[in-house]
């Protein structure tokens, strides 16, 4: 990530949980995703992100919806229409798949995107997905721990990677193309004690699951304590409150941060003061055009004020 407080976005349209989807997304599609990814590229966003669910059980569909684009296919598509912005899976439920399958998919994506992949991983929470795919839901944390180790090997520089673990065992199996990056950044998602520990000990970064501001300092302190004096770069993230640049003329909700760029930047710089390196932002909007306008305003008017030395 670049110096200072970087900012990225989980793209709308590609996942449409009722928790955060705007009404206009229901009728949106691929053209909108391309336009939004290009807008992020132009506006200096560090990354665009895509979620991962294989299938949603009927009991959860009213809340989660069944709209969840495949992250590999979606990010590869967006890689071809952007130039600079990085491509984040937030998060890939990698325990649902053999690590060699995951490595093949994401290594190819990184190769095609000239080294712009950030692999975000998480344990998952939908029991039926695991049971249907033959993966033990109760042991998903242990599965993820070993999967991360296996992916480190499979996404490394060796054409014939090797891993010998309790769940997965492979060697003398070659995979090309290799990732364009010598080390694909691996960010771990989740805010449970196990997820925070996993991020600190196995990841290159942490993607919290919507922790409010008052919880972040303790979580960050835990990560620092667990990592000790380890000198490897580590990226700490946060998901901000919903944003609206300017004074809205419609009800954007009481939790939304709105106002002039200076006020928004002052509020967001508090994340950097806690030790956050990158913020994931989401804008209230009634249409694709309003969203791209908000993204452009944020990039032009707010981001220059996010200098952490201010």
C-alpha atoms as a PDB file:
ATOM      1  CA  UNK A   1       0.000   0.000   0.000  1.00  0.00           C
ATOM      2  CA  UNK A   2       1.078   3.559  -0.604  1.00  0.00           C
ATOM      3  CA  UNK A   3       2.238   5.791   2.285  1.00  0.00           C
ATOM      4  CA  UNK A   4      -0.475   7.437   4.327  1.00  0.00           C
ATOM      5  CA  UNK A   5      -4.071   6.284   4.648  1.00  0.00           C
ATOM      6  CA  UNK A   6      -5.028   4.288   1.557  1.00  0.00           C
ATOM      7  CA  UNK A   7      -8.668   3.750   0.581  1.00  0.00           C
ATOM      8  CA  UNK A   8     -10.433   0.956  -1.268  1.00  0.00           C
ATOM      9  CA  UNK A   9     -13.984  -0.112  -1.995  1.00  0.00           C
ATOM     10  CA  UNK A  10     -16.037  -3.277  -1.906  1.00  0.00           C
ATOM     11  CA  UNK A  11     -17.879  -2.998  -5.192  1.00  0.00           C
ATOM     12  CA  UNK A  12     -21.670  -2.858  -5.179  1.00  0.00           C
ATOM     13  CA  UNK A  13     -23.733  -5.041  -7.533  1.00  0.00           C
ATOM     14  CA  UNK A  14     -21.458  -8.091  -7.141  1.00  0.00           C
ATOM     15  CA  UNK A  15     -22.962  -8.916  -3.732  1.00  0.00           C
ATOM     16  CA  UNK A  16     -26.375  -7.716  -2.652  1.00  0.00           C
ATOM     17  CA  UNK A  17     -26.977  -8.480   0.993  1.00  0.00           C
ATOM     18  CA  UNK A  18     -29.848  -6.420   2.350  1.00  0.00           C
ATOM     19  CA  UNK A  19     -27.479  -5.120   5.031  1.00  0.00           C
ATOM     20  CA  UNK A  20     -25.750  -2.812   2.565  1.00  0.00           C
ATOM     21  CA  UNK A  21     -27.182  -3.042  -0.975  1.00  0.00           C
ATOM     22  CA  UNK A  22     -28.849   0.064  -2.411  1.00  0.00           C
ATOM     23  CA  UNK A  23     -32.171  -0.352  -4.286  1.00  0.00           C
ATOM     24  CA  UNK A  24     -30.709   0.547  -7.688  1.00  0.00           C
ATOM     25  CA  UNK A  25     -28.297  -2.412  -7.551  1.00  0.00           C
ATOM     26  CA  UNK A  26     -31.118  -4.917  -8.107  1.00  0.00           C
ATOM     27  CA  UNK A  27     -31.342  -3.885 -11.762  1.00  0.00           C
ATOM     28  CA  UNK A  28     -27.608  -3.397 -12.300  1.00  0.00           C
ATOM     29  CA  UNK A  29     -25.158  -5.709 -14.034  1.00  0.00           C
ATOM     30  CA  UNK A  30     -21.776  -6.113 -15.745  1.00  0.00           C
ATOM     31  CA  UNK A  31     -21.722  -2.684 -17.418  1.00  0.00           C
ATOM     32  CA  UNK A  32     -22.204  -1.039 -14.041  1.00  0.00           C
ATOM     33  CA  UNK A  33     -19.392  -3.076 -12.470  1.00  0.00           C
ATOM     34  CA  UNK A  34     -17.026  -2.065 -15.264  1.00  0.00           C
ATOM     35  CA  UNK A  35     -17.965   1.604 -14.913  1.00  0.00           C
ATOM     36  CA  UNK A  36     -17.431   1.510 -11.155  1.00  0.00           C
ATOM     37  CA  UNK A  37     -14.082  -0.276 -11.387  1.00  0.00           C
ATOM     38  CA  UNK A  38     -12.897   2.288 -13.941  1.00  0.00           C
ATOM     39  CA  UNK A  39     -14.121   5.103 -11.685  1.00  0.00           C
ATOM     40  CA  UNK A  40     -12.118   3.619  -8.799  1.00  0.00           C
ATOM     41  CA  UNK A  41      -9.058   3.385 -11.035  1.00  0.00           C
ATOM     42  CA  UNK A  42      -9.344   7.051 -11.994  1.00  0.00           C
ATOM     43  CA  UNK A  43     -10.061   8.253  -8.450  1.00  0.00           C
ATOM     44  CA  UNK A  44      -6.961   6.716  -6.869  1.00  0.00           C
ATOM     45  CA  UNK A  45      -8.617   3.860  -4.985  1.00  0.00           C
ATOM     46  CA  UNK A  46      -6.070   1.320  -3.769  1.00  0.00           C
ATOM     47  CA  UNK A  47      -8.304  -1.649  -4.586  1.00  0.00           C
ATOM     48  CA  UNK A  48     -11.695  -2.866  -5.692  1.00  0.00           C
ATOM     49  CA  UNK A  49     -13.036  -5.883  -3.792  1.00  0.00           C
ATOM     50  CA  UNK A  50     -15.357  -8.774  -4.527  1.00  0.00           C
ATOM     51  CA  UNK A  51     -17.020 -11.246  -2.105  1.00  0.00           C
ATOM     52  CA  UNK A  52     -17.312 -15.040  -2.229  1.00  0.00           C
ATOM     53  CA  UNK A  53     -20.226 -17.384  -1.650  1.00  0.00           C
ATOM     54  CA  UNK A  54     -20.908 -20.540  -3.658  1.00  0.00           C
ATOM     55  CA  UNK A  55     -24.610 -20.859  -2.861  1.00  0.00           C
ATOM     56  CA  UNK A  56     -27.013 -19.330  -0.354  1.00  0.00           C
ATOM     57  CA  UNK A  57     -29.498 -21.563   1.476  1.00  0.00           C
ATOM     58  CA  UNK A  58     -33.160 -20.646   1.206  1.00  0.00           C
ATOM     59  CA  UNK A  59     -33.345 -19.794   4.935  1.00  0.00           C
ATOM     60  CA  UNK A  60     -30.763 -17.013   4.507  1.00  0.00           C
ATOM     61  CA  UNK A  61     -31.755 -15.766   1.057  1.00  0.00           C
ATOM     62  CA  UNK A  62     -34.199 -13.063   2.263  1.00  0.00           C
ATOM     63  CA  UNK A  63     -31.362 -11.328   4.153  1.00  0.00           C
ATOM     64  CA  UNK A  64     -28.296 -12.249   2.097  1.00  0.00           C
ATOM     65  CA  UNK A  65     -29.942 -12.521  -1.349  1.00  0.00           C
ATOM     66  CA  UNK A  66     -28.538 -15.035  -3.820  1.00  0.00           C
ATOM     67  CA  UNK A  67     -26.576 -12.435  -5.814  1.00  0.00           C
ATOM     68  CA  UNK A  68     -22.917 -13.228  -5.195  1.00  0.00           C
ATOM     69  CA  UNK A  69     -20.675 -12.964  -8.253  1.00  0.00           C
ATOM     70  CA  UNK A  70     -17.746 -15.369  -8.415  1.00  0.00           C
ATOM     71  CA  UNK A  71     -14.684 -13.398  -7.267  1.00  0.00           C
ATOM     72  CA  UNK A  72     -12.136 -14.947  -9.644  1.00  0.00           C
ATOM     73  CA  UNK A  73     -14.288 -14.464 -12.735  1.00  0.00           C
ATOM     74  CA  UNK A  74     -15.338 -10.959 -11.671  1.00  0.00           C
ATOM     75  CA  UNK A  75     -11.893  -9.690 -10.711  1.00  0.00           C
ATOM     76  CA  UNK A  76     -10.358 -11.150 -13.882  1.00  0.00           C
ATOM     77  CA  UNK A  77     -12.996  -9.352 -15.940  1.00  0.00           C
ATOM     78  CA  UNK A  78     -12.294  -6.087 -14.147  1.00  0.00           C
ATOM     79  CA  UNK A  79      -8.540  -6.550 -14.468  1.00  0.00           C
ATOM     80  CA  UNK A  80      -8.938  -6.310 -18.223  1.00  0.00           C
ATOM     81  CA  UNK A  81     -10.707  -2.941 -18.076  1.00  0.00           C
ATOM     82  CA  UNK A  82      -8.520  -1.219 -15.445  1.00  0.00           C
ATOM     83  CA  UNK A  83      -4.859  -0.284 -15.293  1.00  0.00           C
ATOM     84  CA  UNK A  84      -3.693   0.493 -11.767  1.00  0.00           C
ATOM     85  CA  UNK A  85      -6.226  -0.433  -9.096  1.00  0.00           C
ATOM     86  CA  UNK A  86      -5.540  -3.643  -7.176  1.00  0.00           C
ATOM     87  CA  UNK A  87      -7.951  -6.569  -7.061  1.00  0.00           C
ATOM     88  CA  UNK A  88      -9.000  -7.893  -3.642  1.00  0.00           C
ATOM     89  CA  UNK A  89     -11.051 -10.935  -2.727  1.00  0.00           C
ATOM     90  CA  UNK A  90     -12.873  -9.826   0.409  1.00  0.00           C
ATOM     91  CA  UNK A  91     -13.002 -12.546   1.332  1.00  0.00           C
ATOM     92  CA  UNK A  92     -12.425 -15.813  -0.488  1.00  0.00           C
ATOM     93  CA  UNK A  93     -13.685 -18.785   1.518  1.00  0.00           C
ATOM     94  CA  UNK A  94     -10.647 -20.797   0.535  1.00  0.00           C
ATOM     95  CA  UNK A  95     -11.440 -23.704   2.856  1.00  0.00           C
ATOM     96  CA  UNK A  96     -14.241 -24.749   0.489  1.00  0.00           C
ATOM     97  CA  UNK A  97     -11.735 -25.702  -2.202  1.00  0.00           C
ATOM     98  CA  UNK A  98      -8.511 -27.662  -2.462  1.00  0.00           C
ATOM     99  CA  UNK A  99      -5.612 -25.191  -2.182  1.00  0.00           C
ATOM    100  CA  UNK A 100      -4.191 -26.274  -5.540  1.00  0.00           C
ATOM    101  CA  UNK A 101      -7.474 -25.326  -7.186  1.00  0.00           C
ATOM    102  CA  UNK A 102      -7.461 -21.960  -5.437  1.00  0.00           C
ATOM    103  CA  UNK A 103      -3.804 -21.423  -6.320  1.00  0.00           C
ATOM    104  CA  UNK A 104      -4.433 -22.191  -9.992  1.00  0.00           C
ATOM    105  CA  UNK A 105      -7.280 -19.681 -10.145  1.00  0.00           C
ATOM    106  CA  UNK A 106      -5.622 -16.823  -8.295  1.00  0.00           C
ATOM    107  CA  UNK A 107      -2.147 -17.336  -9.756  1.00  0.00           C
ATOM    108  CA  UNK A 108      -3.687 -17.048 -13.215  1.00  0.00           C
ATOM    109  CA  UNK A 109      -5.575 -13.931 -12.124  1.00  0.00           C
ATOM    110  CA  UNK A 110      -2.401 -12.314 -10.793  1.00  0.00           C
ATOM    111  CA  UNK A 111      -0.542 -13.251 -13.985  1.00  0.00           C
ATOM    112  CA  UNK A 112      -3.256 -11.756 -16.197  1.00  0.00           C
ATOM    113  CA  UNK A 113      -3.497  -8.625 -14.025  1.00  0.00           C
ATOM    114  CA  UNK A 114       0.270  -7.975 -14.018  1.00  0.00           C
ATOM    115  CA  UNK A 115       0.596  -8.471 -10.275  1.00  0.00           C
ATOM    116  CA  UNK A 116      -2.403  -6.592  -8.901  1.00  0.00           C
ATOM    117  CA  UNK A 117      -3.985  -9.351  -6.787  1.00  0.00           C
ATOM    118  CA  UNK A 118      -4.517  -9.136  -3.034  1.00  0.00           C
ATOM    119  CA  UNK A 119      -5.835 -12.466  -1.760  1.00  0.00           C
ATOM    120  CA  UNK A 120      -8.206 -11.877   1.128  1.00  0.00           C
ATOM    121  CA  UNK A 121      -9.287 -15.068   2.893  1.00  0.00           C
ATOM    122  CA  UNK A 122     -11.792 -15.953   5.591  1.00  0.00           C
ATOM    123  CA  UNK A 123     -13.316 -18.899   7.394  1.00  0.00           C
ATOM    124  CA  UNK A 124     -16.894 -18.540   6.140  1.00  0.00           C
ATOM    125  CA  UNK A 125     -20.137 -18.726   8.106  1.00  0.00           C
ATOM    126  CA  UNK A 126     -22.792 -20.529   6.028  1.00  0.00           C
ATOM    127  CA  UNK A 127     -23.048 -24.107   7.270  1.00  0.00           C
ATOM    128  CA  UNK A 128     -24.923 -25.456   4.245  1.00  0.00           C
ATOM    129  CA  UNK A 129     -22.154 -24.384   1.856  1.00  0.00           C
ATOM    130  CA  UNK A 130     -19.633 -26.459   3.767  1.00  0.00           C
ATOM    131  CA  UNK A 131     -21.884 -29.474   4.228  1.00  0.00           C
ATOM    132  CA  UNK A 132     -22.911 -29.588   0.572  1.00  0.00           C
ATOM    133  CA  UNK A 133     -19.306 -29.357  -0.594  1.00  0.00           C
ATOM    134  CA  UNK A 134     -18.171 -32.013   1.869  1.00  0.00           C
ATOM    135  CA  UNK A 135     -16.144 -29.750   4.170  1.00  0.00           C
ATOM    136  CA  UNK A 136     -16.398 -29.941   7.966  1.00  0.00           C
ATOM    137  CA  UNK A 137     -18.074 -26.710   9.078  1.00  0.00           C
ATOM    138  CA  UNK A 138     -17.108 -27.125  12.726  1.00  0.00           C
ATOM    139  CA  UNK A 139     -13.419 -27.414  11.832  1.00  0.00           C
ATOM    140  CA  UNK A 140     -13.389 -24.571   9.306  1.00  0.00           C
ATOM    141  CA  UNK A 141     -10.893 -22.562  11.360  1.00  0.00           C
ATOM    142  CA  UNK A 142      -8.349 -25.389  11.390  1.00  0.00           C
ATOM    143  CA  UNK A 143      -9.017 -25.991   7.705  1.00  0.00           C
ATOM    144  CA  UNK A 144      -8.325 -22.322   6.947  1.00  0.00           C
ATOM    145  CA  UNK A 145      -5.104 -22.358   8.990  1.00  0.00           C
ATOM    146  CA  UNK A 146      -3.652 -25.191   6.938  1.00  0.00           C
ATOM    147  CA  UNK A 147      -5.069 -23.857   3.689  1.00  0.00           C
ATOM    148  CA  UNK A 148      -3.183 -20.590   4.226  1.00  0.00           C
ATOM    149  CA  UNK A 149       0.057 -22.533   4.699  1.00  0.00           C
ATOM    150  CA  UNK A 150      -0.634 -24.571   1.575  1.00  0.00           C
ATOM    151  CA  UNK A 151      -1.444 -21.442  -0.424  1.00  0.00           C
ATOM    152  CA  UNK A 152       1.788 -19.785   0.684  1.00  0.00           C
ATOM    153  CA  UNK A 153       3.619 -22.673  -0.958  1.00  0.00           C
ATOM    154  CA  UNK A 154       1.377 -22.988  -4.001  1.00  0.00           C
ATOM    155  CA  UNK A 155       1.451 -19.239  -4.765  1.00  0.00           C
ATOM    156  CA  UNK A 156       5.193 -18.913  -4.227  1.00  0.00           C
ATOM    157  CA  UNK A 157       7.900 -18.837  -6.856  1.00  0.00           C
ATOM    158  CA  UNK A 158       8.336 -22.609  -7.190  1.00  0.00           C
ATOM    159  CA  UNK A 159       6.820 -24.216 -10.265  1.00  0.00           C
ATOM    160  CA  UNK A 160       6.526 -27.479  -8.310  1.00  0.00           C
ATOM    161  CA  UNK A 161       5.418 -26.403  -4.809  1.00  0.00           C
ATOM    162  CA  UNK A 162       5.244 -28.810  -1.896  1.00  0.00           C
ATOM    163  CA  UNK A 163       3.112 -28.938   1.226  1.00  0.00           C
ATOM    164  CA  UNK A 164       2.787 -31.767   3.736  1.00  0.00           C
ATOM    165  CA  UNK A 165       0.020 -31.283   6.274  1.00  0.00           C
ATOM    166  CA  UNK A 166      -2.782 -33.091   8.039  1.00  0.00           C
ATOM    167  CA  UNK A 167      -5.395 -32.231   5.402  1.00  0.00           C
ATOM    168  CA  UNK A 168      -3.402 -31.611   2.245  1.00  0.00           C
ATOM    169  CA  UNK A 169      -0.294 -33.268   0.916  1.00  0.00           C
ATOM    170  CA  UNK A 170       1.263 -32.455  -2.442  1.00  0.00           C
ATOM    171  CA  UNK A 171       4.600 -32.235  -4.240  1.00  0.00           C
ATOM    172  CA  UNK A 172       5.981 -32.793  -7.746  1.00  0.00           C
ATOM    173  CA  UNK A 173       2.867 -31.198  -9.249  1.00  0.00           C
ATOM    174  CA  UNK A 174       3.680 -28.184 -11.404  1.00  0.00           C
ATOM    175  CA  UNK A 175       1.472 -25.158 -11.974  1.00  0.00           C
ATOM    176  CA  UNK A 176       2.048 -22.421 -14.493  1.00  0.00           C
ATOM    177  CA  UNK A 177       1.565 -19.576 -15.082  1.00  0.00           C
ATOM    178  CA  UNK A 178       3.072 -18.450 -11.792  1.00  0.00           C
ATOM    179  CA  UNK A 179       1.796 -15.271 -10.092  1.00  0.00           C
ATOM    180  CA  UNK A 180       3.378 -12.085 -11.398  1.00  0.00           C
ATOM    181  CA  UNK A 181       4.183 -11.087  -7.803  1.00  0.00           C
ATOM    182  CA  UNK A 182       6.995 -12.819  -5.959  1.00  0.00           C
ATOM    183  CA  UNK A 183       4.730 -12.802  -2.891  1.00  0.00           C
ATOM    184  CA  UNK A 184       0.995 -12.386  -3.294  1.00  0.00           C
ATOM    185  CA  UNK A 185      -0.271 -10.302  -0.331  1.00  0.00           C
ATOM    186  CA  UNK A 186      -2.544 -12.445   1.828  1.00  0.00           C
ATOM    187  CA  UNK A 187      -4.962 -10.576   4.059  1.00  0.00           C
ATOM    188  CA  UNK A 188      -7.017 -12.448   6.658  1.00  0.00           C
ATOM    189  CA  UNK A 189     -10.603 -11.401   7.309  1.00  0.00           C
ATOM    190  CA  UNK A 190     -12.677 -11.651  10.462  1.00  0.00           C
ATOM    191  CA  UNK A 191     -12.923 -10.092  13.897  1.00  0.00           C
ATOM    192  CA  UNK A 192     -13.229 -13.067  16.241  1.00  0.00           C
ATOM    193  CA  UNK A 193     -10.246 -13.736  18.530  1.00  0.00           C
ATOM    194  CA  UNK A 194      -9.277 -16.700  16.325  1.00  0.00           C
ATOM    195  CA  UNK A 195      -9.444 -14.599  13.141  1.00  0.00           C
ATOM    196  CA  UNK A 196      -7.381 -11.764  14.642  1.00  0.00           C
ATOM    197  CA  UNK A 197      -4.768 -14.245  15.836  1.00  0.00           C
ATOM    198  CA  UNK A 198      -4.721 -15.914  12.413  1.00  0.00           C
ATOM    199  CA  UNK A 199      -4.209 -12.563  10.714  1.00  0.00           C
ATOM    200  CA  UNK A 200      -1.370 -11.614  13.043  1.00  0.00           C
ATOM    201  CA  UNK A 201       0.497 -14.902  12.778  1.00  0.00           C
ATOM    202  CA  UNK A 202      -0.212 -16.002   9.206  1.00  0.00           C
ATOM    203  CA  UNK A 203      -1.249 -12.957   7.183  1.00  0.00           C
ATOM    204  CA  UNK A 204       0.217  -9.912   5.504  1.00  0.00           C
ATOM    205  CA  UNK A 205      -2.793  -7.884   6.580  1.00  0.00           C
ATOM    206  CA  UNK A 206      -6.064  -7.858   8.514  1.00  0.00           C
ATOM    207  CA  UNK A 207      -9.552  -7.219   7.148  1.00  0.00           C
ATOM    208  CA  UNK A 208     -11.928  -6.628  10.081  1.00  0.00           C
ATOM    209  CA  UNK A 209     -15.558  -7.630   9.853  1.00  0.00           C
ATOM    210  CA  UNK A 210     -17.036  -4.205  10.410  1.00  0.00           C
ATOM    211  CA  UNK A 211     -15.611  -3.475  13.861  1.00  0.00           C
ATOM    212  CA  UNK A 212     -16.887  -0.109  15.164  1.00  0.00           C
ATOM    213  CA  UNK A 213     -14.240   2.501  15.872  1.00  0.00           C
ATOM    214  CA  UNK A 214     -14.175   1.935  19.607  1.00  0.00           C
ATOM    215  CA  UNK A 215     -13.217  -1.736  19.153  1.00  0.00           C
ATOM    216  CA  UNK A 216     -10.373  -1.186  16.726  1.00  0.00           C
ATOM    217  CA  UNK A 217      -7.589   0.003  19.089  1.00  0.00           C
ATOM    218  CA  UNK A 218      -7.795  -3.159  21.210  1.00  0.00           C
ATOM    219  CA  UNK A 219      -7.840  -5.378  18.125  1.00  0.00           C
ATOM    220  CA  UNK A 220      -4.842  -3.566  16.672  1.00  0.00           C
ATOM    221  CA  UNK A 221      -2.963  -3.830  19.949  1.00  0.00           C
ATOM    222  CA  UNK A 222      -3.612  -7.586  19.980  1.00  0.00           C
ATOM    223  CA  UNK A 223      -2.178  -7.907  16.480  1.00  0.00           C
ATOM    224  CA  UNK A 224       0.913  -5.921  17.418  1.00  0.00           C
ATOM    225  CA  UNK A 225       1.452  -7.996  20.548  1.00  0.00           C
ATOM    226  CA  UNK A 226       1.113 -11.276  18.676  1.00  0.00           C
ATOM    227  CA  UNK A 227       3.430 -10.177  15.882  1.00  0.00           C
ATOM    228  CA  UNK A 228       6.042  -8.881  18.288  1.00  0.00           C
ATOM    229  CA  UNK A 229       9.107  -7.441  16.598  1.00  0.00           C
ATOM    230  CA  UNK A 230       8.465  -9.141  13.262  1.00  0.00           C
ATOM    231  CA  UNK A 231       9.708  -6.773  10.607  1.00  0.00           C
ATOM    232  CA  UNK A 232       7.593  -7.886   7.640  1.00  0.00           C
ATOM    233  CA  UNK A 233       5.148  -5.259   6.338  1.00  0.00           C
ATOM    234  CA  UNK A 234       1.616  -5.724   7.644  1.00  0.00           C
ATOM    235  CA  UNK A 235      -1.509  -3.855   6.487  1.00  0.00           C
ATOM    236  CA  UNK A 236      -4.227  -3.104   9.033  1.00  0.00           C
ATOM    237  CA  UNK A 237      -7.633  -2.310   7.576  1.00  0.00           C
ATOM    238  CA  UNK A 238     -10.923  -0.859   8.740  1.00  0.00           C
ATOM    239  CA  UNK A 239     -14.387  -0.525   7.259  1.00  0.00           C
ATOM    240  CA  UNK A 240     -15.670   3.009   7.682  1.00  0.00           C
ATOM    241  CA  UNK A 241     -19.146   4.241   8.342  1.00  0.00           C
ATOM    242  CA  UNK A 242     -21.195   4.915   5.177  1.00  0.00           C
ATOM    243  CA  UNK A 243     -20.075   8.159   3.547  1.00  0.00           C
ATOM    244  CA  UNK A 244     -21.584  10.984   1.529  1.00  0.00           C
ATOM    245  CA  UNK A 245     -19.329  13.778   0.252  1.00  0.00           C
ATOM    246  CA  UNK A 246     -21.194  17.074   0.560  1.00  0.00           C
ATOM    247  CA  UNK A 247     -24.577  17.907   2.026  1.00  0.00           C
ATOM    248  CA  UNK A 248     -27.187  15.369   0.900  1.00  0.00           C
ATOM    249  CA  UNK A 249     -30.704  16.461  -0.029  1.00  0.00           C
ATOM    250  CA  UNK A 250     -32.121  13.057   0.903  1.00  0.00           C
ATOM    251  CA  UNK A 251     -32.106  10.810   3.956  1.00  0.00           C
ATOM    252  CA  UNK A 252     -28.747   9.001   3.970  1.00  0.00           C
ATOM    253  CA  UNK A 253     -29.247   7.495   7.430  1.00  0.00           C
ATOM    254  CA  UNK A 254     -28.061   8.608  10.840  1.00  0.00           C
ATOM    255  CA  UNK A 255     -24.842   6.517  10.746  1.00  0.00           C
ATOM    256  CA  UNK A 256     -23.639   8.102   7.513  1.00  0.00           C
ATOM    257  CA  UNK A 257     -20.755  10.553   7.697  1.00  0.00           C
ATOM    258  CA  UNK A 258     -21.578  13.487   5.437  1.00  0.00           C
ATOM    259  CA  UNK A 259     -20.409  17.030   4.972  1.00  0.00           C
ATOM    260  CA  UNK A 260     -17.640  19.002   3.318  1.00  0.00           C
ATOM    261  CA  UNK A 261     -14.383  17.248   2.381  1.00  0.00           C
ATOM    262  CA  UNK A 262     -12.478  18.808   5.279  1.00  0.00           C
ATOM    263  CA  UNK A 263     -14.918  17.414   7.845  1.00  0.00           C
ATOM    264  CA  UNK A 264     -14.902  13.944   6.322  1.00  0.00           C
ATOM    265  CA  UNK A 265     -11.121  13.883   6.146  1.00  0.00           C
ATOM    266  CA  UNK A 266     -10.780  14.996   9.758  1.00  0.00           C
ATOM    267  CA  UNK A 267     -13.054  12.167  10.859  1.00  0.00           C
ATOM    268  CA  UNK A 268     -11.302   9.565   8.710  1.00  0.00           C
ATOM    269  CA  UNK A 269      -7.817  10.590   9.855  1.00  0.00           C
ATOM    270  CA  UNK A 270      -8.807   9.228  13.267  1.00  0.00           C
ATOM    271  CA  UNK A 271      -8.445   5.754  11.754  1.00  0.00           C
ATOM    272  CA  UNK A 272      -4.823   6.457  10.889  1.00  0.00           C
ATOM    273  CA  UNK A 273      -4.230   7.689  14.434  1.00  0.00           C
ATOM    274  CA  UNK A 274      -5.332   4.250  15.679  1.00  0.00           C
ATOM    275  CA  UNK A 275      -2.800   2.529  13.448  1.00  0.00           C
ATOM    276  CA  UNK A 276      -5.018   1.740  10.454  1.00  0.00           C
ATOM    277  CA  UNK A 277      -3.251   1.641   7.068  1.00  0.00           C
ATOM    278  CA  UNK A 278      -6.207   1.316   4.706  1.00  0.00           C
ATOM    279  CA  UNK A 279      -9.892   2.108   4.965  1.00  0.00           C
ATOM    280  CA  UNK A 280     -12.651   0.447   2.999  1.00  0.00           C
ATOM    281  CA  UNK A 281     -15.294   3.024   2.127  1.00  0.00           C
ATOM    282  CA  UNK A 282     -18.875   2.734   0.966  1.00  0.00           C
ATOM    283  CA  UNK A 283     -21.012   5.612  -0.297  1.00  0.00           C
ATOM    284  CA  UNK A 284     -24.754   6.106   0.042  1.00  0.00           C
ATOM    285  CA  UNK A 285     -26.178   6.581  -3.430  1.00  0.00           C
ATOM    286  CA  UNK A 286     -29.387   6.304  -5.452  1.00  0.00           C
ATOM    287  CA  UNK A 287     -27.847   5.439  -8.819  1.00  0.00           C
ATOM    288  CA  UNK A 288     -24.629   4.425 -10.504  1.00  0.00           C
ATOM    289  CA  UNK A 289     -24.082   8.015 -11.604  1.00  0.00           C
ATOM    290  CA  UNK A 290     -24.421   9.344  -8.076  1.00  0.00           C
ATOM    291  CA  UNK A 291     -21.952   6.701  -6.884  1.00  0.00           C
ATOM    292  CA  UNK A 292     -19.327   7.459  -9.530  1.00  0.00           C
ATOM    293  CA  UNK A 293     -19.738  11.174  -8.729  1.00  0.00           C
ATOM    294  CA  UNK A 294     -19.188  10.419  -5.037  1.00  0.00           C
ATOM    295  CA  UNK A 295     -16.104   8.337  -5.813  1.00  0.00           C
ATOM    296  CA  UNK A 296     -14.663  11.081  -8.001  1.00  0.00           C
ATOM    297  CA  UNK A 297     -15.298  13.736  -5.339  1.00  0.00           C
ATOM    298  CA  UNK A 298     -13.724  11.559  -2.668  1.00  0.00           C
ATOM    299  CA  UNK A 299     -10.619  10.998  -4.786  1.00  0.00           C
ATOM    300  CA  UNK A 300     -10.261  14.646  -5.775  1.00  0.00           C
ATOM    301  CA  UNK A 301     -11.378  16.470  -2.630  1.00  0.00           C
ATOM    302  CA  UNK A 302     -11.097  14.155   0.384  1.00  0.00           C
ATOM    303  CA  UNK A 303      -8.111  11.923  -0.316  1.00  0.00           C
ATOM    304  CA  UNK A 304      -5.586  14.793  -0.544  1.00  0.00           C
ATOM    305  CA  UNK A 305      -6.621  15.675   3.022  1.00  0.00           C
ATOM    306  CA  UNK A 306      -5.953  12.174   4.369  1.00  0.00           C
ATOM    307  CA  UNK A 307      -2.270  12.934   4.813  1.00  0.00           C
ATOM    308  CA  UNK A 308      -1.528  11.340   8.179  1.00  0.00           C
ATOM    309  CA  UNK A 309       1.052  13.983   9.057  1.00  0.00           C
ATOM    310  CA  UNK A 310      -1.639  16.676   9.233  1.00  0.00           C
END
